[in-house]
Amino acid sequence: MKPSIAGPRRRGAFRLALLSTVLLTGLLGGCAGPAVQPWERGTLARSEMSFNGNQLDSKFAEHIYSSKEAAAGGAGVGGGGCGCN
């Protein structure tokens, strides 16, 4: 009677699939959770930490960008300054 090598291979493949499933479930479970509320963000919730924290600074930067690009409405508004919009 010849011993079969398919049995250990199947068990190894099953163990690998089971281990992969457990690890993947654990990794995906770590990403799930309630959304972070604004009061839980601490320093990151401060207005200085946002991209547009100071409206005056962002308007000034937009003006400089539009002046350098020689295009009115070059930042966030349709058209390229040619007046065709």
PDB file of N, CA and C in Angstrom:
ATOM      1  N   MET A   1       0.845  -1.169   0.000  1.00  0.00           N
ATOM      2  CA  MET A   1       0.000   0.000   0.000  1.00  0.00           C
ATOM      3  C   MET A   1       0.895   1.238   0.000  1.00  0.00           C
ATOM      4  N   LYS A   2       0.657   2.120  -0.957  1.00  0.00           N
ATOM      5  CA  LYS A   2       1.485   3.318  -1.119  1.00  0.00           C
ATOM      6  C   LYS A   2       0.888   4.474  -0.296  1.00  0.00           C
ATOM      7  N   PRO A   3       1.725   5.142   0.517  1.00  0.00           N
ATOM      8  CA  PRO A   3       1.193   6.256   1.309  1.00  0.00           C
ATOM      9  C   PRO A   3       0.874   7.455   0.419  1.00  0.00           C
ATOM     10  N   SER A   4      -0.188   8.099   0.699  1.00  0.00           N
ATOM     11  CA  SER A   4      -0.632   9.257  -0.076  1.00  0.00           C
ATOM     12  C   SER A   4      -0.005  10.542   0.474  1.00  0.00           C
ATOM     13  N   ILE A   5       0.472  11.400  -0.416  1.00  0.00           N
ATOM     14  CA  ILE A   5       1.031  12.674   0.027  1.00  0.00           C
ATOM     15  C   ILE A   5       0.012  13.801  -0.122  1.00  0.00           C
ATOM     16  N   ALA A   6      -1.164  13.470  -0.678  1.00  0.00           N
ATOM     17  CA  ALA A   6      -2.191  14.499  -0.854  1.00  0.00           C
ATOM     18  C   ALA A   6      -2.772  14.922   0.484  1.00  0.00           C
ATOM     19  N   GLY A   7      -2.816  14.016   1.463  1.00  0.00           N
ATOM     20  CA  GLY A   7      -3.397  14.339   2.766  1.00  0.00           C
ATOM     21  C   GLY A   7      -2.655  15.445   3.475  1.00  0.00           C
ATOM     22  N   PRO A   8      -1.318  15.343   3.636  1.00  0.00           N
ATOM     23  CA  PRO A   8      -0.574  16.434   4.295  1.00  0.00           C
ATOM     24  C   PRO A   8      -0.641  17.744   3.520  1.00  0.00           C
ATOM     25  N   ARG A   9      -0.668  17.677   2.203  1.00  0.00           N
ATOM     26  CA  ARG A   9      -0.773  18.908   1.404  1.00  0.00           C
ATOM     27  C   ARG A   9      -2.111  19.592   1.625  1.00  0.00           C
ATOM     28  N   ARG A  10      -3.158  18.775   1.663  1.00  0.00           N
ATOM     29  CA  ARG A  10      -4.494  19.348   1.893  1.00  0.00           C
ATOM     30  C   ARG A  10      -4.587  19.971   3.281  1.00  0.00           C
ATOM     31  N   ARG A  11      -4.013  19.269   4.263  1.00  0.00           N
ATOM     32  CA  ARG A  11      -4.059  19.817   5.616  1.00  0.00           C
ATOM     33  C   ARG A  11      -3.254  21.117   5.689  1.00  0.00           C
ATOM     34  N   GLY A  12      -2.115  21.137   4.997  1.00  0.00           N
ATOM     35  CA  GLY A  12      -1.297  22.360   4.987  1.00  0.00           C
ATOM     36  C   GLY A  12      -2.021  23.502   4.296  1.00  0.00           C
ATOM     37  N   ALA A  13      -2.682  23.207   3.194  1.00  0.00           N
ATOM     38  CA  ALA A  13      -3.431  24.251   2.483  1.00  0.00           C
ATOM     39  C   ALA A  13      -4.603  24.737   3.321  1.00  0.00           C
ATOM     40  N   PHE A  14      -5.254  23.786   4.012  1.00  0.00           N
ATOM     41  CA  PHE A  14      -6.380  24.169   4.866  1.00  0.00           C
ATOM     42  C   PHE A  14      -5.893  25.045   6.022  1.00  0.00           C
ATOM     43  N   ARG A  15      -4.779  24.661   6.630  1.00  0.00           N
ATOM     44  CA  ARG A  15      -4.240  25.471   7.729  1.00  0.00           C
ATOM     45  C   ARG A  15      -3.841  26.856   7.243  1.00  0.00           C
ATOM     46  N   LEU A  16      -3.242  26.931   6.069  1.00  0.00           N
ATOM     47  CA  LEU A  16      -2.846  28.233   5.520  1.00  0.00           C
ATOM     48  C   LEU A  16      -4.068  29.096   5.223  1.00  0.00           C
ATOM     49  N   ALA A  17      -5.119  28.478   4.665  1.00  0.00           N
ATOM     50  CA  ALA A  17      -6.344  29.234   4.389  1.00  0.00           C
ATOM     51  C   ALA A  17      -6.999  29.693   5.684  1.00  0.00           C
ATOM     52  N   LEU A  18      -6.999  28.814   6.690  1.00  0.00           N
ATOM     53  CA  LEU A  18      -7.599  29.176   7.980  1.00  0.00           C
ATOM     54  C   LEU A  18      -6.807  30.286   8.647  1.00  0.00           C
ATOM     55  N   LEU A  19      -5.491  30.181   8.619  1.00  0.00           N
ATOM     56  CA  LEU A  19      -4.642  31.225   9.218  1.00  0.00           C
ATOM     57  C   LEU A  19      -4.808  32.544   8.485  1.00  0.00           C
ATOM     58  N   SER A  20      -4.889  32.491   7.151  1.00  0.00           N
ATOM     59  CA  SER A  20      -5.091  33.719   6.369  1.00  0.00           C
ATOM     60  C   SER A  20      -6.432  34.349   6.692  1.00  0.00           C
ATOM     61  N   THR A  21      -7.446  33.532   6.833  1.00  0.00           N
ATOM     62  CA  THR A  21      -8.773  34.055   7.151  1.00  0.00           C
ATOM     63  C   THR A  21      -8.792  34.710   8.528  1.00  0.00           C
ATOM     64  N   VAL A  22      -8.158  34.071   9.489  1.00  0.00           N
ATOM     65  CA  VAL A  22      -8.125  34.631  10.844  1.00  0.00           C
ATOM     66  C   VAL A  22      -7.343  35.941  10.855  1.00  0.00           C
ATOM     67  N   LEU A  23      -6.209  35.977  10.177  1.00  0.00           N
ATOM     68  CA  LEU A  23      -5.410  37.209  10.143  1.00  0.00           C
ATOM     69  C   LEU A  23      -6.136  38.330   9.415  1.00  0.00           C
ATOM     70  N   LEU A  24      -6.755  38.009   8.301  1.00  0.00           N
ATOM     71  CA  LEU A  24      -7.485  39.026   7.540  1.00  0.00           C
ATOM     72  C   LEU A  24      -8.670  39.555   8.329  1.00  0.00           C
ATOM     73  N   THR A  25      -9.374  38.665   9.005  1.00  0.00           N
ATOM     74  CA  THR A  25     -10.495  39.101   9.837  1.00  0.00           C
ATOM     75  C   THR A  25     -10.011  39.997  10.968  1.00  0.00           C
ATOM     76  N   GLY A  26      -8.893  39.650  11.561  1.00  0.00           N
ATOM     77  CA  GLY A  26      -8.344  40.476  12.634  1.00  0.00           C
ATOM     78  C   GLY A  26      -7.901  41.840  12.145  1.00  0.00           C
ATOM     79  N   LEU A  27      -7.270  41.873  10.971  1.00  0.00           N
ATOM     80  CA  LEU A  27      -6.814  43.151  10.424  1.00  0.00           C
ATOM     81  C   LEU A  27      -7.986  44.044  10.042  1.00  0.00           C
ATOM     82  N   LEU A  28      -8.990  43.464   9.409  1.00  0.00           N
ATOM     83  CA  LEU A  28     -10.148  44.258   9.015  1.00  0.00           C
ATOM     84  C   LEU A  28     -10.975  44.681  10.219  1.00  0.00           C
ATOM     85  N   GLY A  29     -10.999  43.857  11.240  1.00  0.00           N
ATOM     86  CA  GLY A  29     -11.723  44.210  12.447  1.00  0.00           C
ATOM     87  C   GLY A  29     -11.089  45.378  13.173  1.00  0.00           C
ATOM     88  N   GLY A  30      -9.770  45.510  13.034  1.00  0.00           N
ATOM     89  CA  GLY A  30      -9.085  46.634  13.663  1.00  0.00           C
ATOM     90  C   GLY A  30      -9.400  47.961  13.010  1.00  0.00           C
ATOM     91  N   CYS A  31      -9.812  47.922  11.751  1.00  0.00           N
ATOM     92  CA  CYS A  31     -10.143  49.161  11.039  1.00  0.00           C
ATOM     93  C   CYS A  31     -11.568  49.612  11.331  1.00  0.00           C
ATOM     94  N   ALA A  32     -12.403  48.705  11.756  1.00  0.00           N
ATOM     95  CA  ALA A  32     -13.788  49.062  12.011  1.00  0.00           C
ATOM     96  C   ALA A  32     -13.898  49.743  13.369  1.00  0.00           C
ATOM     97  N   GLY A  33     -14.819  50.607  13.442  1.00  0.00           N
ATOM     98  CA  GLY A  33     -15.027  51.290  14.716  1.00  0.00           C
ATOM     99  C   GLY A  33     -15.832  52.541  14.504  1.00  0.00           C
ATOM    100  N   PRO A  34     -16.242  53.129  15.573  1.00  0.00           N
ATOM    101  CA  PRO A  34     -17.025  54.360  15.432  1.00  0.00           C
ATOM    102  C   PRO A  34     -16.148  55.496  14.915  1.00  0.00           C
ATOM    103  N   ALA A  35     -16.777  56.409  14.232  1.00  0.00           N
ATOM    104  CA  ALA A  35     -16.055  57.563  13.711  1.00  0.00           C
ATOM    105  C   ALA A  35     -15.583  58.434  14.866  1.00  0.00           C
ATOM    106  N   VAL A  36     -14.443  59.042  14.666  1.00  0.00           N
ATOM    107  CA  VAL A  36     -13.891  59.915  15.694  1.00  0.00           C
ATOM    108  C   VAL A  36     -14.669  61.220  15.694  1.00  0.00           C
ATOM    109  N   GLN A  37     -15.143  61.595  16.834  1.00  0.00           N
ATOM    110  CA  GLN A  37     -15.918  62.819  16.977  1.00  0.00           C
ATOM    111  C   GLN A  37     -14.979  64.018  17.064  1.00  0.00           C
ATOM    112  N   PRO A  38     -15.447  65.207  16.713  1.00  0.00           N
ATOM    113  CA  PRO A  38     -14.579  66.379  16.731  1.00  0.00           C
ATOM    114  C   PRO A  38     -13.955  66.646  18.100  1.00  0.00           C
ATOM    115  N   TRP A  39     -14.673  66.401  19.175  1.00  0.00           N
ATOM    116  CA  TRP A  39     -14.126  66.668  20.496  1.00  0.00           C
ATOM    117  C   TRP A  39     -13.107  65.614  20.917  1.00  0.00           C
ATOM    118  N   GLU A  40     -13.019  64.507  20.176  1.00  0.00           N
ATOM    119  CA  GLU A  40     -12.040  63.469  20.474  1.00  0.00           C
ATOM    120  C   GLU A  40     -10.744  63.653  19.699  1.00  0.00           C
ATOM    121  N   ARG A  41     -10.702  64.614  18.818  1.00  0.00           N
ATOM    122  CA  ARG A  41      -9.526  64.793  17.959  1.00  0.00           C
ATOM    123  C   ARG A  41      -8.424  65.593  18.636  1.00  0.00           C
ATOM    124  N   GLY A  42      -8.743  66.326  19.651  1.00  0.00           N
ATOM    125  CA  GLY A  42      -7.738  67.077  20.395  1.00  0.00           C
ATOM    126  C   GLY A  42      -7.127  68.185  19.554  1.00  0.00           C
ATOM    127  N   THR A  43      -5.831  68.142  19.404  1.00  0.00           N
ATOM    128  CA  THR A  43      -5.099  69.182  18.695  1.00  0.00           C
ATOM    129  C   THR A  43      -5.465  69.220  17.215  1.00  0.00           C
ATOM    130  N   LEU A  44      -5.795  68.074  16.654  1.00  0.00           N
ATOM    131  CA  LEU A  44      -6.120  68.031  15.228  1.00  0.00           C
ATOM    132  C   LEU A  44      -7.429  68.745  14.909  1.00  0.00           C
ATOM    133  N   ALA A  45      -8.281  68.980  15.910  1.00  0.00           N
ATOM    134  CA  ALA A  45      -9.552  69.660  15.679  1.00  0.00           C
ATOM    135  C   ALA A  45      -9.396  71.177  15.688  1.00  0.00           C
ATOM    136  N   ARG A  46      -8.231  71.669  16.016  1.00  0.00           N
ATOM    137  CA  ARG A  46      -8.040  73.113  16.049  1.00  0.00           C
ATOM    138  C   ARG A  46      -8.052  73.678  14.636  1.00  0.00           C
ATOM    139  N   SER A  47      -8.492  74.917  14.523  1.00  0.00           N
ATOM    140  CA  SER A  47      -8.632  75.525  13.203  1.00  0.00           C
ATOM    141  C   SER A  47      -7.277  75.719  12.516  1.00  0.00           C
ATOM    142  N   GLU A  48      -6.223  75.871  13.305  1.00  0.00           N
ATOM    143  CA  GLU A  48      -4.890  76.036  12.710  1.00  0.00           C
ATOM    144  C   GLU A  48      -4.416  74.777  12.000  1.00  0.00           C
ATOM    145  N   MET A  49      -4.981  73.640  12.338  1.00  0.00           N
ATOM    146  CA  MET A  49      -4.551  72.378  11.753  1.00  0.00           C
ATOM    147  C   MET A  49      -5.263  72.066  10.447  1.00  0.00           C
ATOM    148  N   SER A  50      -6.263  72.840  10.075  1.00  0.00           N
ATOM    149  CA  SER A  50      -6.966  72.581   8.824  1.00  0.00           C
ATOM    150  C   SER A  50      -6.219  73.237   7.667  1.00  0.00           C
ATOM    151  N   PHE A  51      -6.552  72.832   6.471  1.00  0.00           N
ATOM    152  CA  PHE A  51      -5.890  73.382   5.299  1.00  0.00           C
ATOM    153  C   PHE A  51      -6.243  74.845   5.107  1.00  0.00           C
ATOM    154  N   ASN A  52      -7.477  75.200   5.417  1.00  0.00           N
ATOM    155  CA  ASN A  52      -7.921  76.580   5.279  1.00  0.00           C
ATOM    156  C   ASN A  52      -8.259  77.149   6.654  1.00  0.00           C
ATOM    157  N   GLY A  53      -7.301  77.148   7.534  1.00  0.00           N
ATOM    158  CA  GLY A  53      -7.539  77.606   8.891  1.00  0.00           C
ATOM    159  C   GLY A  53      -7.809  79.090   8.968  1.00  0.00           C
ATOM    160  N   ASN A  54      -7.078  79.857   8.205  1.00  0.00           N
ATOM    161  CA  ASN A  54      -7.249  81.302   8.221  1.00  0.00           C
ATOM    162  C   ASN A  54      -7.770  81.728   6.851  1.00  0.00           C
ATOM    163  N   GLN A  55      -8.978  82.261   6.824  1.00  0.00           N
ATOM    164  CA  GLN A  55      -9.600  82.626   5.551  1.00  0.00           C
ATOM    165  C   GLN A  55      -8.822  83.730   4.856  1.00  0.00           C
ATOM    166  N   LEU A  56      -8.280  84.682   5.627  1.00  0.00           N
ATOM    167  CA  LEU A  56      -7.534  85.792   5.032  1.00  0.00           C
ATOM    168  C   LEU A  56      -6.259  85.283   4.354  1.00  0.00           C
ATOM    169  N   ASP A  57      -5.567  84.377   5.010  1.00  0.00           N
ATOM    170  CA  ASP A  57      -4.366  83.797   4.413  1.00  0.00           C
ATOM    171  C   ASP A  57      -4.683  83.013   3.151  1.00  0.00           C
ATOM    172  N   SER A  58      -5.770  82.242   3.174  1.00  0.00           N
ATOM    173  CA  SER A  58      -6.099  81.440   1.992  1.00  0.00           C
ATOM    174  C   SER A  58      -6.521  82.334   0.824  1.00  0.00           C
ATOM    175  N   LYS A  59      -7.251  83.425   1.107  1.00  0.00           N
ATOM    176  CA  LYS A  59      -7.622  84.357   0.038  1.00  0.00           C
ATOM    177  C   LYS A  59      -6.380  85.029  -0.537  1.00  0.00           C
ATOM    178  N   PHE A  60      -5.442  85.405   0.337  1.00  0.00           N
ATOM    179  CA  PHE A  60      -4.208  86.033  -0.120  1.00  0.00           C
ATOM    180  C   PHE A  60      -3.395  85.059  -0.985  1.00  0.00           C
ATOM    181  N   ALA A  61      -3.292  83.820  -0.547  1.00  0.00           N
ATOM    182  CA  ALA A  61      -2.564  82.822  -1.326  1.00  0.00           C
ATOM    183  C   ALA A  61      -3.235  82.576  -2.666  1.00  0.00           C
ATOM    184  N   GLU A  62      -4.568  82.589  -2.682  1.00  0.00           N
ATOM    185  CA  GLU A  62      -5.295  82.413  -3.938  1.00  0.00           C
ATOM    186  C   GLU A  62      -5.047  83.587  -4.884  1.00  0.00           C
ATOM    187  N   HIS A  63      -4.992  84.783  -4.308  1.00  0.00           N
ATOM    188  CA  HIS A  63      -4.721  85.964  -5.125  1.00  0.00           C
ATOM    189  C   HIS A  63      -3.319  85.893  -5.733  1.00  0.00           C
ATOM    190  N   ILE A  64      -2.346  85.503  -4.932  1.00  0.00           N
ATOM    191  CA  ILE A  64      -0.971  85.374  -5.435  1.00  0.00           C
ATOM    192  C   ILE A  64      -0.911  84.306  -6.520  1.00  0.00           C
ATOM    193  N   TYR A  65      -1.581  83.190  -6.307  1.00  0.00           N
ATOM    194  CA  TYR A  65      -1.580  82.117  -7.291  1.00  0.00           C
ATOM    195  C   TYR A  65      -2.202  82.589  -8.602  1.00  0.00           C
ATOM    196  N   SER A  66      -3.326  83.290  -8.500  1.00  0.00           N
ATOM    197  CA  SER A  66      -3.994  83.774  -9.707  1.00  0.00           C
ATOM    198  C   SER A  66      -3.142  84.801 -10.431  1.00  0.00           C
ATOM    199  N   SER A  67      -2.433  85.634  -9.667  1.00  0.00           N
ATOM    200  CA  SER A  67      -1.576  86.639 -10.289  1.00  0.00           C
ATOM    201  C   SER A  67      -0.399  85.993 -11.000  1.00  0.00           C
ATOM    202  N   LYS A  68       0.190  84.998 -10.355  1.00  0.00           N
ATOM    203  CA  LYS A  68       1.344  84.340 -10.972  1.00  0.00           C
ATOM    204  C   LYS A  68       0.940  83.525 -12.190  1.00  0.00           C
ATOM    205  N   GLU A  69      -0.215  82.933 -12.144  1.00  0.00           N
ATOM    206  CA  GLU A  69      -0.659  82.101 -13.260  1.00  0.00           C
ATOM    207  C   GLU A  69      -1.308  82.933 -14.360  1.00  0.00           C
ATOM    208  N   ALA A  70      -1.548  84.198 -14.086  1.00  0.00           N
ATOM    209  CA  ALA A  70      -2.180  85.102 -15.043  1.00  0.00           C
ATOM    210  C   ALA A  70      -3.525  84.570 -15.509  1.00  0.00           C
ATOM    211  N   ALA A  71      -4.238  83.991 -14.577  1.00  0.00           N
ATOM    212  CA  ALA A  71      -5.536  83.437 -14.919  1.00  0.00           C
ATOM    213  C   ALA A  71      -6.512  83.776 -13.808  1.00  0.00           C
ATOM    214  N   ALA A  72      -7.539  84.532 -14.134  1.00  0.00           N
ATOM    215  CA  ALA A  72      -8.559  84.828 -13.144  1.00  0.00           C
ATOM    216  C   ALA A  72      -9.402  83.591 -12.907  1.00  0.00           C
ATOM    217  N   GLY A  73      -9.620  83.286 -11.662  1.00  0.00           N
ATOM    218  CA  GLY A  73     -10.413  82.107 -11.337  1.00  0.00           C
ATOM    219  C   GLY A  73      -9.651  80.821 -11.539  1.00  0.00           C
ATOM    220  N   GLY A  74      -8.347  80.890 -11.463  1.00  0.00           N
ATOM    221  CA  GLY A  74      -7.537  79.702 -11.675  1.00  0.00           C
ATOM    222  C   GLY A  74      -7.612  78.705 -10.544  1.00  0.00           C
ATOM    223  N   ALA A  75      -8.097  79.137  -9.397  1.00  0.00           N
ATOM    224  CA  ALA A  75      -8.138  78.221  -8.254  1.00  0.00           C
ATOM    225  C   ALA A  75      -9.580  77.919  -7.885  1.00  0.00           C
ATOM    226  N   GLY A  76     -10.104  76.857  -8.357  1.00  0.00           N
ATOM    227  CA  GLY A  76     -11.401  76.376  -7.925  1.00  0.00           C
ATOM    228  C   GLY A  76     -12.574  76.864  -8.745  1.00  0.00           C
ATOM    229  N   VAL A  77     -12.376  77.727  -9.676  1.00  0.00           N
ATOM    230  CA  VAL A  77     -13.468  78.241 -10.489  1.00  0.00           C
ATOM    231  C   VAL A  77     -13.206  77.834 -11.927  1.00  0.00           C
ATOM    232  N   GLY A  78     -14.250  77.481 -12.620  1.00  0.00           N
ATOM    233  CA  GLY A  78     -14.098  77.050 -13.997  1.00  0.00           C
ATOM    234  C   GLY A  78     -13.607  78.154 -14.901  1.00  0.00           C
ATOM    235  N   GLY A  79     -12.956  77.788 -15.929  1.00  0.00           N
ATOM    236  CA  GLY A  79     -12.433  78.761 -16.884  1.00  0.00           C
ATOM    237  C   GLY A  79     -10.962  79.017 -16.671  1.00  0.00           C
ATOM    238  N   GLY A  80     -10.323  79.457 -17.689  1.00  0.00           N
ATOM    239  CA  GLY A  80      -8.889  79.681 -17.598  1.00  0.00           C
ATOM    240  C   GLY A  80      -8.523  81.134 -17.732  1.00  0.00           C
ATOM    241  N   GLY A  81      -9.463  82.035 -17.611  1.00  0.00           N
ATOM    242  CA  GLY A  81      -9.139  83.449 -17.698  1.00  0.00           C
ATOM    243  C   GLY A  81      -9.300  84.016 -19.086  1.00  0.00           C
ATOM    244  N   CYS A  82      -9.733  83.224 -20.028  1.00  0.00           N
ATOM    245  CA  CYS A  82      -9.876  83.705 -21.382  1.00  0.00           C
ATOM    246  C   CYS A  82     -11.241  84.372 -21.603  1.00  0.00           C
ATOM    247  N   GLY A  83     -12.129  84.246 -20.638  1.00  0.00           N
ATOM    248  CA  GLY A  83     -13.445  84.838 -20.760  1.00  0.00           C
ATOM    249  C   GLY A  83     -14.431  83.974 -21.511  1.00  0.00           C
ATOM    250  N   CYS A  84     -14.095  82.766 -21.789  1.00  0.00           N
ATOM    251  CA  CYS A  84     -14.962  81.904 -22.577  1.00  0.00           C
ATOM    252  C   CYS A  84     -15.906  81.087 -21.715  1.00  0.00           C
ATOM    253  N   ASN A  85     -15.894  81.258 -20.415  1.00  0.00           N
ATOM    254  CA  ASN A  85     -16.785  80.437 -19.587  1.00  0.00           C
ATOM    255  C   ASN A  85     -18.056  81.170 -19.447  1.00  0.00           C
TER     256      ASN A  85
END
